[in-house]
Amino acid sequence: MSAEAEDVEKQPLLAEEKQAKEDEIQEEVDDSMSYDARKLITFDVLRAATGTIWVKGSLWKMMGMLLLVSVVTAVGVFVLVGQPEKLETSKYNKLTTFLKAIVGLLLGFFLSSSVNRWRPGTE
């Protein structure tokens, strides 16, 4: 075989589909870095679950815990706050403004440090 035929970089991503016999079909490799580029442009990607986060038990456990916290919080607010329309919200607005500034500042620091770590790797 020639070097060009073996060079994967020179092969097109979406090669023509070939009619494969059942004995030629290989089992799918359970590798997150291997994929069929032809499937990425079809609607099959919307119903694919194998190998994704949606089949992990830890995701559903965390989702259940977060749902429980949300429901408990909603019930607590409903029970404890008798008339929410009479609640004084100005102090919450001040807190929200302060937190927006702090979060923006911290995200800026994080982004700066990430770029500073990334830059030497690109040189």
Protein backbone atom coordinates (compact mmCIF):
# COMPACT_ATOMS: atom_id res chain seq x y z
CA MET A 1 0.00 0.00 0.00
CA SER A 2 1.20 3.50 -0.68
CA ALA A 3 1.93 5.99 2.06
CA GLU A 4 -0.95 8.23 0.95
CA ALA A 5 -3.50 5.42 1.24
CA GLU A 6 -2.36 4.73 4.78
CA ASP A 7 -2.31 8.39 5.82
CA VAL A 8 -5.46 8.89 7.85
CA GLU A 9 -5.10 12.67 7.77
CA LYS A 10 -5.61 12.73 4.01
CA GLN A 11 -8.76 10.60 4.03
CA PRO A 12 -12.12 12.42 3.90
CA LEU A 13 -14.18 12.46 7.09
CA LEU A 14 -17.40 11.47 5.37
CA ALA A 15 -16.44 8.66 3.03
CA GLU A 16 -19.10 7.01 0.91
CA GLU A 17 -21.05 4.35 2.74
CA LYS A 18 -20.16 0.83 1.71
CA GLN A 19 -22.55 -2.07 1.85
CA ALA A 20 -20.88 -4.27 4.43
CA LYS A 21 -21.67 -7.90 4.91
CA GLU A 22 -22.62 -8.94 8.42
CA ASP A 23 -19.39 -10.88 8.89
CA GLU A 24 -17.39 -7.75 7.97
CA ILE A 25 -19.04 -5.56 10.57
CA GLN A 26 -16.84 -5.12 13.61
CA GLU A 27 -18.18 -4.75 17.12
CA GLU A 28 -18.34 -1.17 18.30
CA VAL A 29 -15.45 -0.17 20.49
CA ASP A 30 -16.44 1.35 23.82
CA ASP A 31 -14.11 4.29 23.42
CA SER A 32 -15.17 7.91 23.80
CA MET A 33 -12.58 9.01 21.24
CA SER A 34 -13.88 6.72 18.47
CA TYR A 35 -16.96 7.73 16.52
CA ASP A 36 -18.57 7.40 13.12
CA ALA A 37 -18.59 10.87 11.53
CA ARG A 38 -21.42 9.88 9.19
CA LYS A 39 -23.76 9.38 12.16
CA LEU A 40 -23.04 12.89 13.43
CA ILE A 41 -24.96 14.45 10.53
CA THR A 42 -28.07 12.32 11.00
CA PHE A 43 -30.90 12.40 13.52
CA ASP A 44 -29.54 9.21 15.09
CA VAL A 45 -27.41 11.35 17.39
CA LEU A 46 -30.57 12.63 19.10
CA ARG A 47 -31.60 9.17 20.26
CA ALA A 48 -28.19 7.71 21.05
CA ALA A 49 -27.72 6.92 24.73
CA THR A 50 -25.00 4.27 24.82
CA GLY A 51 -21.72 5.70 26.02
CA THR A 52 -23.23 9.01 27.13
CA ILE A 53 -23.74 10.59 30.53
CA TRP A 54 -27.46 9.71 30.41
CA VAL A 55 -26.76 6.05 31.26
CA LYS A 56 -24.66 6.81 34.35
CA GLY A 57 -26.27 6.03 37.68
CA SER A 58 -24.37 8.82 39.43
CA LEU A 59 -26.11 11.41 37.22
CA TRP A 60 -29.58 10.18 38.15
CA LYS A 61 -28.65 9.94 41.82
CA MET A 62 -27.47 13.57 41.78
CA MET A 63 -30.56 14.65 39.83
CA GLY A 64 -32.76 12.97 42.44
CA MET A 65 -30.91 14.70 45.28
CA LEU A 66 -31.18 18.10 43.58
CA LEU A 67 -34.88 17.55 42.90
CA LEU A 68 -35.39 16.66 46.56
CA VAL A 69 -33.56 19.83 47.69
CA SER A 70 -35.66 21.91 45.28
CA VAL A 71 -38.94 20.44 46.49
CA VAL A 72 -37.99 20.83 50.17
CA THR A 73 -36.95 24.44 49.55
CA ALA A 74 -40.17 25.23 47.67
CA VAL A 75 -42.33 23.67 50.38
CA GLY A 76 -40.33 25.48 53.09
CA VAL A 77 -40.78 28.86 51.40
CA PHE A 78 -44.47 28.19 50.83
CA VAL A 79 -45.02 27.28 54.49
CA LEU A 80 -42.74 29.86 56.14
CA VAL A 81 -43.49 32.94 54.01
CA GLY A 82 -47.09 33.84 54.69
CA GLN A 83 -47.50 36.79 52.33
CA PRO A 84 -44.64 36.91 49.80
CA GLU A 85 -45.95 40.12 48.18
CA LYS A 86 -45.18 42.02 51.42
CA LEU A 87 -41.58 40.76 51.56
CA GLU A 88 -38.90 43.49 51.54
CA THR A 89 -36.66 42.68 48.55
CA SER A 90 -34.25 45.64 48.58
CA LYS A 91 -31.71 43.80 50.76
CA TYR A 92 -31.83 40.84 48.36
CA ASN A 93 -31.19 43.17 45.42
CA LYS A 94 -28.08 44.56 47.15
CA LEU A 95 -26.84 41.03 47.85
CA THR A 96 -27.47 40.00 44.24
CA THR A 97 -25.51 42.99 42.91
CA PHE A 98 -22.60 42.22 45.25
CA LEU A 99 -22.55 38.53 44.26
CA LYS A 100 -22.63 39.40 40.54
CA ALA A 101 -19.53 41.55 40.97
CA ILE A 102 -17.67 38.93 43.04
CA VAL A 103 -18.54 36.07 40.66
CA GLY A 104 -17.43 38.14 37.67
CA LEU A 105 -14.15 38.97 39.38
CA LEU A 106 -13.50 35.33 40.33
CA LEU A 107 -14.32 34.13 36.81
CA GLY A 108 -11.87 36.69 35.45
CA PHE A 109 -9.12 35.38 37.74
CA PHE A 110 -9.90 31.79 36.75
CA LEU A 111 -9.86 32.59 33.04
CA SER A 112 -6.59 34.49 33.39
CA SER A 113 -4.89 31.62 35.22
CA SER A 114 -6.27 29.08 32.73
CA VAL A 115 -4.93 31.03 29.76
CA ASN A 116 -1.56 31.47 31.51
CA ARG A 117 -1.33 27.68 32.00
CA TRP A 118 -2.49 26.97 28.43
CA ARG A 119 -0.17 29.41 26.64
CA PRO A 120 3.14 27.57 27.35
CA GLY A 121 1.65 24.38 25.95
CA THR A 122 0.97 26.00 22.60
CA GLU A 123 4.49 27.30 22.09
